Structure formats: structure tokens, C-alpha cells
Amino acid sequence: MSDQQILLRLQHRYPGFSLDADLALPGRGVTVLFGHSGSGKTTLLRCVAGLERAAHAKLSVNGEVWQDDARQLFVPTWQRPIGVVFQEASLFPHLDVRGNLAYGIKRARVTDGAAALPNVAAQLGIDHLLDRATDRLSGGERQRVAIARALLTQPRLLLMDEPLSALDAARKQEILPYLERLHDELEIPMLYVTHQLEEAARLADHLVLLEQGRVIASAPLGEALARLDLPLARDHEAGVVIDAKVLGHDAVWHLTHLRFAGGDISVSQRALEIGRAVRVRILARDVSIALSGDLASSIQNRFACVVRDLAPADDPSQCLVGLVAAGVPLFARVTRRAADQLELAPGRAVWAQVKAVALLE
């Protein structure tokens, strides 16, 4: 077993609530802890941080053991090489932005922490704010400063507890590109708590789904989102996220062409470099199913698929159809009557027609 993993086993009890988890998570990339309020995701994060001590737990991060009750080992929070960002930025009001970042540098375990400041500030787009007082920052700017301060501690694990929940929609869209940039550039793992599907879709490599203190799924993002047996599949915004590359641009029709393992996709033209890796989100409600690949249709995005499985939807008139396109899972929400008329069943070859595609960037 590789040391590049976060291994966590814990049992934590409260009056009326218990948290049980047994997880092996990637030692790099973004793992999203997802669930409704009260599912246990923040408690799990606090146990990883050492802010709460589970009665029975073992935790190791990329080979370094932080808790092992069998050996009576518990590393306190201040000795764990973590960076933490909460819902509120909690900046020091008597210090300007530079002073807040300097606090992070003081907590760094390396002596050249100050050398990292220009790069971190540039990564988060706050290099022009260093001399500004914190009370003159917008909500999105405050959170970016808080993230930069956490990174300047030179952590081996970054923990984020719903960092966008206190922001309005405009500020969320302002900060998400910076989080995506960190996703692409950080070498250290990140645990990210959210109850918003859009954040999970844009940031996660791995998804942990929690419900009433139990882990009901832990899998790579695409695999977890495509599982019809999970509550996520019944959400109005349910769908899959697939990895694609920019294939080219069509100046005549103002389209950008993308390619993934299952076929090609066209979206409204974007100024993206050819060959760039992108994420594409396809909602189940935007997928229809046909028995042939006839191009006489206004729906231009279509892929050859095989039916994987079927499951009932919350609406008794509808059903969910799991599909596989050259190994890539996706699914559609169709009426039960259509599924019956098309004689859909596992193993049947069909064509998926995608009416709308969201390019996540």
C-alpha cells in the first residue's frame, strides 16, 4: 500500500449522533466531503485537524501518523502541519493584508517561508492588496487572504470548511477560479467540505458522501456522480463530470470542439488553448436517448453508449438510465414510457444525445 494516502478510521459519539468512518483517500488532489447539514462532514474535518478528539481513531497522512488510540498517540492541533480555512476568514483586524500573511509565515515549519509570499499572493490574485486594511476588503478578497495565510504555513494538508458559504453568488464565482487554480497547482492534498454540488463538480478529484454520520460512498468524482443508487442521482442538478481536451475552434459557427474518451463535444466558443484539459458537466436532465446515430436532429452532441443500469427516479413517471460511453459513465433522466418504448435494458447499445453542456473552467 502506498504511503501517499490519507488513512482514517474513527468512531465519535455525541448524544443523539454518532460518526463512523473508515476511509482511504488520495494523498494528492482535492477530496470533497459532501452531505447535507448535520451529516458529519465538519465534525470529520475537525477530527482530522485535531480540534476534536474521537474516542476511537487512527489517522495517518501520507505515512505520518497523527492519531492512533491503540498506541495512545495523539498529535495536538498545533503540531499538525495543516492549514485551515473556515467559513469566516477570521483575519486579524489590527493588521493589514501583509501582516496577516506574515502571521502565516511565522507558523511555517521552513525557514524560507517569506520567499513563498509573492508566488502565493499571485496565485490568489491578492498581490495588489498587500498594504490594504482588512476592513477594506470584499468578502471574496478576505477569503483569498485567509487561504493565502493558510498556504504560507507550508502545510502538508489543507483543510477547508465551506469557505464559500458566507459569500453571495457573485463573490463565489469570483473566488472559484482561484480555488481551481490551487487544485491544478498544489502538490499537497486538500479536504474540502461543502453541501453545494457545483463546488464539488468544479473542484473534487475524489468525493466522500456522508449521511447521518455514515460514509455511504467514497470514490473518484466521476464514478460517484454516476452511481444511480446514491441520493445525488435524484437531485435536480444531478449529472456527471467528465475530463476532456480542447480539440479546436470553429470560427464560422463560433464553437469550441472538445474530445473525451467517448467522443467529441461542441460548446459555445471559448478562448482556450488547443490541447488544454478541461472539465465538462453534463446534467442528467439534458441527456436524451436514441436507438440510432441519425444526425437529422438539432441536438449535435451525441455519443455511442451502452446501457449500464436503470433505477427509479423520485418522480414515478420518470426513471434514471445509467450509460457508458467508451468506459466513461454518464446517465439520463427519461420518462418510464420512453424507456419502455425504447426497450432499454442493461447491455443495449444506444446513442446519448446531449442538449446542453457546461464547461467548468
Protein backbone atom coordinates (compact mmCIF):
# COMPACT_ATOMS: atom_id res chain seq x y z
CA MET A 1 0.00 0.00 0.00
CA SER A 2 1.35 3.43 -0.99
CA ASP A 3 2.20 5.91 1.76
CA GLN A 4 0.63 8.63 -0.42
CA GLN A 5 -2.75 8.22 1.20
CA ILE A 6 -4.85 9.71 3.94
CA LEU A 7 -5.99 6.77 6.07
CA LEU A 8 -8.72 7.50 8.59
CA ARG A 9 -10.71 5.21 10.85
CA LEU A 10 -12.78 6.77 13.60
CA GLN A 11 -15.80 6.42 15.81
CA HIS A 12 -17.09 9.54 17.51
CA ARG A 13 -20.19 9.70 19.69
CA TYR A 14 -22.43 12.56 20.77
CA PRO A 15 -25.84 12.41 22.45
CA GLY A 16 -28.18 11.57 19.60
CA PHE A 17 -25.45 11.43 16.93
CA SER A 18 -22.57 9.15 16.00
CA LEU A 19 -19.90 9.45 13.34
CA ASP A 20 -18.33 6.32 11.87
CA ALA A 21 -15.78 6.49 9.07
CA ASP A 22 -13.24 4.13 7.52
CA LEU A 23 -11.57 5.92 4.62
CA ALA A 24 -8.56 5.56 2.35
CA LEU A 25 -8.26 8.86 0.47
CA PRO A 26 -5.80 10.05 -2.19
CA GLY A 27 -2.65 11.67 -0.84
CA ARG A 28 -2.82 14.36 -3.50
CA GLY A 29 -5.62 16.37 -5.11
CA VAL A 30 -8.94 17.54 -3.70
CA THR A 31 -11.20 15.27 -1.70
CA VAL A 32 -14.64 16.81 -1.16
CA LEU A 33 -16.62 15.83 1.95
CA PHE A 34 -20.20 16.24 0.77
CA GLY A 35 -23.51 15.99 2.57
CA HIS A 36 -26.46 17.87 3.99
CA SER A 37 -26.24 19.87 7.21
CA GLY A 38 -25.80 17.50 10.15
CA SER A 39 -24.29 14.70 8.07
CA GLY A 40 -20.98 14.85 9.98
CA LYS A 41 -18.69 16.37 7.39
CA THR A 42 -17.46 19.28 9.54
CA THR A 43 -17.02 17.01 12.55
CA LEU A 44 -14.91 14.68 10.40
CA LEU A 45 -12.77 17.62 9.28
CA ARG A 46 -12.33 18.82 12.87
CA CYS A 47 -11.18 15.33 13.90
CA VAL A 48 -8.57 15.38 11.12
CA ALA A 49 -7.43 18.81 12.38
CA GLY A 50 -7.24 17.55 15.95
CA LEU A 51 -9.78 20.16 17.06
CA GLU A 52 -11.95 17.30 18.28
CA ARG A 53 -10.61 14.04 19.58
CA ALA A 54 -12.58 10.99 18.53
CA ALA A 55 -12.78 8.30 21.19
CA HIS A 56 -11.55 5.60 18.84
CA ALA A 57 -9.45 6.71 15.88
CA LYS A 58 -6.41 6.13 13.73
CA LEU A 59 -5.22 8.79 11.29
CA SER A 60 -2.18 8.89 9.05
CA VAL A 61 -1.43 11.45 6.35
CA ASN A 62 0.97 10.34 3.63
CA GLY A 63 2.73 7.99 6.02
CA GLU A 64 2.82 10.32 9.05
CA VAL A 65 0.66 9.11 11.96
CA TRP A 66 -1.27 11.86 13.74
CA GLN A 67 -3.52 9.73 15.91
CA ASP A 68 -3.51 6.08 16.95
CA ASP A 69 -5.51 5.28 20.06
CA ALA A 70 -4.16 1.73 20.14
CA ARG A 71 -0.72 3.27 20.80
CA GLN A 72 -2.12 6.17 22.89
CA LEU A 73 -0.76 8.57 20.27
CA PHE A 74 -2.42 11.93 19.65
CA VAL A 75 -0.63 14.80 17.92
CA PRO A 76 -2.23 18.09 19.07
CA THR A 77 -3.53 20.56 16.51
CA TRP A 78 -0.67 22.99 16.88
CA GLN A 79 1.82 20.25 16.00
CA ARG A 80 -0.07 19.02 12.93
CA PRO A 81 1.26 20.53 9.67
CA ILE A 82 -2.13 21.72 8.49
CA GLY A 83 -3.59 24.87 7.01
CA VAL A 84 -7.24 25.52 7.90
CA VAL A 85 -9.77 27.86 6.28
CA PHE A 86 -13.19 28.22 7.89
CA GLN A 87 -16.46 29.75 6.70
CA GLU A 88 -15.39 33.11 8.10
CA ALA A 89 -11.99 34.47 7.11
CA SER A 90 -11.12 35.43 10.73
CA LEU A 91 -8.43 37.90 9.70
CA PHE A 92 -6.65 39.98 12.33
CA PRO A 93 -8.35 43.40 12.11
CA HIS A 94 -5.35 45.31 13.54
CA LEU A 95 -3.08 44.02 10.75
CA ASP A 96 -3.14 44.80 7.04
CA VAL A 97 -3.09 42.03 4.44
CA ARG A 98 0.71 41.77 4.53
CA GLY A 99 0.63 41.50 8.31
CA ASN A 100 -1.95 38.71 8.19
CA LEU A 101 0.18 36.81 5.70
CA ALA A 102 3.27 37.35 7.86
CA TYR A 103 1.45 35.54 10.67
CA GLY A 104 1.17 32.51 8.43
CA ILE A 105 4.86 32.70 7.60
CA LYS A 106 5.74 32.74 11.33
CA ARG A 107 3.88 29.44 11.75
CA ALA A 108 5.70 27.84 8.79
CA ARG A 109 7.95 24.91 9.52
CA VAL A 110 10.53 26.06 6.97
CA THR A 111 12.87 28.98 7.35
CA ASP A 112 12.32 30.43 3.86
CA GLY A 113 8.56 30.88 4.23
CA ALA A 114 8.82 34.56 3.30
CA ALA A 115 10.15 33.58 -0.14
CA ALA A 116 6.83 31.90 -0.92
CA LEU A 117 4.73 35.03 -0.29
CA PRO A 118 4.98 36.62 -3.78
CA ASN A 119 4.02 33.38 -5.50
CA VAL A 120 1.14 32.59 -3.15
CA ALA A 121 -0.16 36.17 -3.37
CA ALA A 122 -0.06 35.97 -7.18
CA GLN A 123 -1.77 32.55 -7.21
CA LEU A 124 -4.70 34.03 -5.30
CA GLY A 125 -4.75 37.41 -7.02
CA ILE A 126 -4.07 39.45 -3.87
CA ASP A 127 -0.61 40.78 -4.70
CA HIS A 128 -2.09 44.27 -5.23
CA LEU A 129 -3.82 44.17 -1.83
CA LEU A 130 -0.83 43.61 0.47
CA ASP A 131 -0.92 47.09 2.05
CA ARG A 132 -4.71 47.29 2.34
CA ALA A 133 -6.53 47.20 5.69
CA THR A 134 -8.70 44.13 6.13
CA ASP A 135 -11.86 46.18 6.69
CA ARG A 136 -11.49 47.48 3.13
CA LEU A 137 -11.64 44.02 1.56
CA SER A 138 -14.64 42.40 -0.07
CA GLY A 139 -15.85 39.03 1.21
CA GLY A 140 -14.13 37.21 -1.64
CA GLU A 141 -10.88 39.10 -1.07
CA ARG A 142 -10.99 38.27 2.65
CA GLN A 143 -11.33 34.56 1.93
CA ARG A 144 -8.49 34.65 -0.58
CA VAL A 145 -6.26 36.28 2.06
CA ALA A 146 -7.30 33.59 4.56
CA ILE A 147 -6.41 30.86 2.05
CA ALA A 148 -3.06 32.51 1.31
CA ARG A 149 -2.30 32.75 5.05
CA ALA A 150 -3.07 29.03 5.43
CA LEU A 151 -0.82 28.13 2.49
CA LEU A 152 2.06 30.21 3.87
CA THR A 153 2.20 27.96 6.94
CA GLN A 154 3.66 25.41 4.47
CA PRO A 155 1.10 22.73 5.42
CA ARG A 156 1.17 19.07 4.41
CA LEU A 157 -2.63 19.06 4.35
CA LEU A 158 -5.05 21.90 3.57
CA LEU A 159 -8.48 21.79 5.23
CA MET A 160 -11.37 23.96 4.02
CA ASP A 161 -14.70 24.05 5.84
CA GLU A 162 -17.32 25.54 3.48
CA PRO A 163 -15.11 28.54 2.62
CA LEU A 164 -17.69 29.96 0.19
CA SER A 165 -20.84 29.55 2.27
CA ALA A 166 -20.75 33.11 3.68
CA LEU A 167 -20.38 34.67 0.21
CA ASP A 168 -23.07 35.79 -2.21
CA ALA A 169 -23.31 34.24 -5.69
CA ALA A 170 -21.14 36.90 -7.34
CA ARG A 171 -18.35 36.54 -4.79
CA LYS A 172 -18.46 32.75 -5.10
CA GLN A 173 -17.95 33.00 -8.85
CA GLU A 174 -15.08 35.42 -8.16
CA ILE A 175 -13.20 33.02 -5.91
CA LEU A 176 -13.90 29.66 -7.60
CA PRO A 177 -11.32 30.19 -10.39
CA TYR A 178 -8.63 30.73 -7.76
CA LEU A 179 -9.61 27.51 -5.99
CA GLU A 180 -9.47 25.70 -9.32
CA ARG A 181 -6.00 27.10 -9.86
CA LEU A 182 -4.91 25.77 -6.49
CA HIS A 183 -6.42 22.42 -7.44
CA ASP A 184 -4.19 22.33 -10.53
CA GLU A 185 -1.00 23.61 -8.90
CA LEU A 186 -0.91 22.37 -5.30
CA GLU A 187 1.25 19.34 -4.51
CA ILE A 188 -0.40 18.80 -1.13
CA PRO A 189 -3.79 17.15 -0.57
CA MET A 190 -6.88 19.17 0.29
CA LEU A 191 -10.00 18.14 2.21
CA TYR A 192 -12.88 20.42 1.24
CA VAL A 193 -16.28 20.47 2.97
CA THR A 194 -19.34 21.62 1.04
CA HIS A 195 -23.02 20.90 0.51
CA GLN A 196 -23.06 22.57 -2.91
CA LEU A 197 -22.93 20.24 -5.94
CA GLU A 198 -21.43 22.94 -8.17
CA GLU A 199 -18.40 23.33 -5.89
CA ALA A 200 -17.90 19.57 -5.77
CA ALA A 201 -18.21 19.31 -9.55
CA ARG A 202 -15.65 22.05 -10.16
CA LEU A 203 -13.08 21.11 -7.53
CA ALA A 204 -13.22 17.46 -6.49
CA ASP A 205 -10.99 14.64 -7.64
CA HIS A 206 -12.49 12.31 -5.04
CA LEU A 207 -15.91 12.51 -3.38
CA VAL A 208 -16.92 11.29 0.07
CA LEU A 209 -20.67 11.29 0.59
CA LEU A 210 -21.85 11.45 4.20
CA GLU A 211 -25.35 10.87 5.52
CA GLN A 212 -26.32 10.92 9.22
CA GLY A 213 -22.76 10.25 10.34
CA ARG A 214 -22.11 7.38 7.93
CA VAL A 215 -19.97 7.23 4.80
CA ILE A 216 -22.28 5.96 2.09
CA ALA A 217 -19.80 6.44 -0.77
CA SER A 218 -16.12 7.20 -1.29
CA ALA A 219 -14.94 7.17 -4.90
CA PRO A 220 -13.41 9.24 -7.71
CA LEU A 221 -15.75 12.10 -8.61
CA GLY A 222 -16.97 10.79 -11.97
CA GLU A 223 -17.69 7.35 -10.57
CA ALA A 224 -19.55 8.66 -7.52
CA LEU A 225 -21.72 11.10 -9.50
CA ALA A 226 -22.78 8.37 -11.95
CA ARG A 227 -23.99 5.91 -9.29
CA LEU A 228 -27.77 5.60 -9.56
CA ASP A 229 -28.06 4.06 -6.08
CA LEU A 230 -26.89 7.25 -4.35
CA PRO A 231 -29.11 10.19 -3.34
CA LEU A 232 -27.05 12.50 -5.58
CA ALA A 233 -28.58 10.88 -8.67
CA ARG A 234 -32.05 12.10 -7.64
CA ASP A 235 -31.07 15.73 -7.23
CA HIS A 236 -32.48 18.19 -9.79
CA GLU A 237 -28.89 19.19 -10.60
CA ALA A 238 -27.69 15.55 -10.85
CA GLY A 239 -25.22 14.74 -13.58
CA VAL A 240 -21.67 13.70 -14.28
CA VAL A 241 -18.35 15.47 -14.73
CA ILE A 242 -16.01 14.23 -17.45
CA ASP A 243 -12.47 15.16 -18.40
CA ALA A 244 -11.91 16.47 -21.93
CA LYS A 245 -9.34 18.32 -24.00
CA VAL A 246 -9.74 21.28 -26.32
CA LEU A 247 -9.62 19.92 -29.87
CA GLY A 248 -10.05 23.12 -31.88
CA HIS A 249 -12.21 26.12 -32.68
CA ASP A 250 -14.77 26.78 -35.42
CA ALA A 251 -14.76 30.48 -36.32
CA VAL A 252 -17.70 30.10 -38.71
CA TRP A 253 -20.13 28.63 -36.18
CA HIS A 254 -18.44 30.17 -33.09
CA LEU A 255 -17.91 26.78 -31.45
CA THR A 256 -15.13 25.18 -29.46
CA HIS A 257 -14.69 21.45 -30.01
CA LEU A 258 -13.70 19.17 -27.14
CA ARG A 259 -12.78 15.49 -27.09
CA PHE A 260 -13.21 12.93 -24.34
CA ALA A 261 -12.81 9.16 -24.39
CA GLY A 262 -16.41 8.66 -25.53
CA GLY A 263 -16.50 11.16 -28.40
CA ASP A 264 -16.48 14.84 -29.33
CA ILE A 265 -18.45 17.72 -27.80
CA SER A 266 -19.11 21.21 -29.13
CA VAL A 267 -19.73 24.19 -26.86
CA SER A 268 -20.04 27.93 -27.38
CA GLN A 269 -16.69 29.31 -28.45
CA ARG A 270 -14.20 29.90 -25.65
CA ALA A 271 -10.73 31.43 -25.75
CA LEU A 272 -8.99 28.23 -24.70
CA GLU A 273 -5.62 26.90 -25.82
CA ILE A 274 -5.80 23.82 -28.03
CA GLY A 275 -4.81 20.75 -26.03
CA ARG A 276 -5.84 22.24 -22.70
CA ALA A 277 -7.51 19.86 -20.24
CA VAL A 278 -10.98 20.97 -19.13
CA ARG A 279 -13.89 19.62 -17.11
CA VAL A 280 -17.31 19.21 -18.62
CA ARG A 281 -20.53 18.82 -16.65
CA ILE A 282 -23.47 17.03 -18.23
CA LEU A 283 -26.75 17.08 -16.31
CA ALA A 284 -28.98 14.01 -16.48
CA ARG A 285 -31.98 16.12 -17.48
CA ASP A 286 -30.07 17.35 -20.56
CA VAL A 287 -29.44 13.85 -21.93
CA SER A 288 -31.90 12.08 -24.25
CA ILE A 289 -31.55 8.58 -25.68
CA ALA A 290 -31.94 7.39 -29.27
CA LEU A 291 -31.59 3.98 -30.89
CA SER A 292 -29.59 5.28 -33.87
CA GLY A 293 -26.98 7.92 -34.57
CA ASP A 294 -29.05 9.68 -37.21
CA LEU A 295 -27.74 13.25 -37.48
CA ALA A 296 -31.10 14.71 -38.59
CA SER A 297 -31.60 16.48 -35.28
CA SER A 298 -30.91 19.86 -33.71
CA ILE A 299 -29.02 18.02 -30.96
CA GLN A 300 -25.47 17.87 -32.27
CA ASN A 301 -23.63 16.33 -29.33
CA ARG A 302 -24.15 12.57 -29.43
CA PHE A 303 -22.13 9.54 -28.40
CA ALA A 304 -22.45 5.79 -28.85
CA CYS A 305 -23.21 4.24 -25.46
CA VAL A 306 -24.25 1.04 -23.77
CA VAL A 307 -26.98 0.97 -21.12
CA ARG A 308 -25.39 0.11 -17.77
CA ASP A 309 -28.38 0.01 -15.43
CA LEU A 310 -31.76 1.55 -14.70
CA ALA A 311 -33.21 2.92 -11.47
CA PRO A 312 -36.44 4.66 -10.43
CA ALA A 313 -36.47 8.44 -10.05
CA ASP A 314 -38.30 10.30 -7.30
CA ASP A 315 -40.99 11.21 -9.84
CA PRO A 316 -42.90 7.97 -10.55
CA SER A 317 -43.29 8.96 -14.22
CA GLN A 318 -39.52 9.03 -14.73
CA CYS A 319 -36.53 6.72 -14.45
CA LEU A 320 -32.75 7.06 -14.43
CA VAL A 321 -30.72 5.32 -17.12
CA GLY A 322 -27.04 4.68 -16.48
CA LEU A 323 -24.88 4.76 -19.61
CA VAL A 324 -21.26 4.06 -20.51
CA ALA A 325 -19.51 5.79 -23.43
CA ALA A 326 -16.16 4.10 -24.10
CA GLY A 327 -15.70 3.48 -20.38
CA VAL A 328 -16.91 6.94 -19.30
CA PRO A 329 -20.07 6.81 -17.13
CA LEU A 330 -22.98 9.20 -17.56
CA PHE A 331 -26.72 8.96 -17.10
CA ALA A 332 -30.03 10.29 -18.35
CA ARG A 333 -33.39 11.10 -16.78
CA VAL A 334 -36.19 9.97 -19.11
CA THR A 335 -39.84 9.06 -18.78
CA ARG A 336 -40.68 5.49 -17.90
CA ARG A 337 -42.86 5.34 -21.02
CA ALA A 338 -39.88 6.27 -23.22
CA ALA A 339 -37.68 3.68 -21.52
CA ASP A 340 -40.34 1.04 -22.14
CA GLN A 341 -40.92 2.02 -25.77
CA LEU A 342 -37.18 2.02 -26.48
CA GLU A 343 -36.89 -1.34 -24.65
CA LEU A 344 -33.98 -0.05 -22.62
CA ALA A 345 -32.16 -2.74 -20.67
CA PRO A 346 -28.59 -3.35 -19.44
CA GLY A 347 -26.28 -4.13 -22.32
CA ARG A 348 -28.38 -2.43 -25.02
CA ALA A 349 -26.45 -0.24 -27.49
CA VAL A 350 -27.92 3.27 -27.77
CA TRP A 351 -26.96 6.84 -28.58
CA ALA A 352 -26.84 9.57 -25.94
CA GLN A 353 -27.90 12.99 -27.19
CA VAL A 354 -26.70 15.87 -25.04
CA LYS A 355 -28.79 19.03 -25.27
CA ALA A 356 -26.60 21.23 -23.07
CA VAL A 357 -23.03 21.03 -21.87
CA ALA A 358 -21.50 23.14 -19.09
CA LEU A 359 -17.79 23.79 -19.46
CA LEU A 360 -16.31 24.14 -15.98
CA GLU A 361 -13.28 26.44 -16.01
